[in-house]
Amino acid sequence: MATKTSRVAEQSELESEITEDLDCDPPVVEDLDRHERIAALAYAKAEQRGFEPGNELDDWLEAERELTA
């Protein structure tokens, strides 16, 4: 049976291997800021239509299109 210390070491080693295998950069602040702007605009669109359910994805996609244009 593995001790707690050895399990923690194994997990840490596994996490290091996974991190090294990833071929991507961590998210940058600009991406997070863009996400927040899209969310705020999508919320405003939902608010304008009285928060009627069922159009959340349309609100989000429309907000994305507007901010990318």
Protein backbone atom coordinates (compact mmCIF):
# COMPACT_ATOMS: atom_id res chain seq x y z
CA MET A 1 0.00 0.00 0.00
CA ALA A 2 1.40 3.40 -0.99
CA THR A 3 1.92 5.98 1.68
CA LYS A 4 0.36 9.40 1.48
CA THR A 5 3.77 10.96 0.77
CA SER A 6 4.50 8.58 -2.11
CA ARG A 7 1.01 9.14 -3.60
CA VAL A 8 1.53 12.90 -3.48
CA ALA A 9 4.91 12.52 -5.18
CA GLU A 10 3.40 10.26 -7.86
CA GLN A 11 0.58 12.74 -8.48
CA SER A 12 3.04 15.63 -8.71
CA GLU A 13 5.16 13.69 -11.19
CA LEU A 14 2.10 12.82 -13.28
CA GLU A 15 0.95 16.45 -13.31
CA SER A 16 4.41 17.52 -14.50
CA GLU A 17 4.31 14.97 -17.32
CA ILE A 18 0.84 16.09 -18.39
CA THR A 19 1.86 19.75 -18.34
CA GLU A 20 4.94 19.02 -20.44
CA ASP A 21 2.83 17.08 -22.97
CA LEU A 22 0.40 19.95 -23.49
CA ASP A 23 1.17 21.81 -26.66
CA CYS A 24 -0.62 25.03 -25.88
CA ASP A 25 -0.09 28.25 -24.06
CA PRO A 26 -2.07 29.20 -20.97
CA PRO A 27 -4.94 31.62 -21.62
CA VAL A 28 -3.84 35.21 -21.91
CA VAL A 29 -5.46 38.19 -20.28
CA GLU A 30 -6.79 39.43 -23.63
CA ASP A 31 -8.77 36.19 -24.09
CA LEU A 32 -10.28 36.53 -20.63
CA ASP A 33 -11.12 40.17 -21.27
CA ARG A 34 -12.76 39.23 -24.59
CA HIS A 35 -14.82 36.56 -22.85
CA GLU A 36 -15.99 39.08 -20.25
CA ARG A 37 -16.97 41.60 -22.96
CA ILE A 38 -18.93 38.94 -24.85
CA ALA A 39 -20.67 37.88 -21.63
CA ALA A 40 -21.63 41.47 -20.78
CA LEU A 41 -23.01 42.12 -24.26
CA ALA A 42 -24.91 38.80 -24.29
CA TYR A 43 -26.38 39.69 -20.89
CA ALA A 44 -27.50 43.09 -22.21
CA LYS A 45 -29.16 41.37 -25.17
CA ALA A 46 -30.98 38.97 -22.85
CA GLU A 47 -32.05 41.87 -20.67
CA GLN A 48 -33.44 43.75 -23.70
CA ARG A 49 -35.69 40.80 -24.54
CA GLY A 50 -36.85 40.39 -20.93
CA PHE A 51 -34.64 37.35 -20.16
CA GLU A 52 -36.99 35.11 -22.12
CA PRO A 53 -35.43 31.62 -21.89
CA GLY A 54 -34.26 29.66 -24.90
CA ASN A 55 -32.20 32.30 -26.70
CA GLU A 56 -29.04 32.29 -24.59
CA LEU A 57 -26.85 30.74 -27.28
CA ASP A 58 -28.15 33.16 -29.89
CA ASP A 59 -27.39 36.07 -27.56
CA TRP A 60 -23.85 34.79 -27.05
CA LEU A 61 -23.16 34.14 -30.73
CA GLU A 62 -24.57 37.52 -31.76
CA ALA A 63 -22.43 39.24 -29.14
CA GLU A 64 -19.36 37.38 -30.43
CA ARG A 65 -20.10 38.42 -34.01
CA GLU A 66 -20.57 42.05 -33.00
CA LEU A 67 -17.31 42.18 -31.07
CA THR A 68 -15.33 40.42 -33.80
CA ALA A 69 -16.63 42.63 -36.60
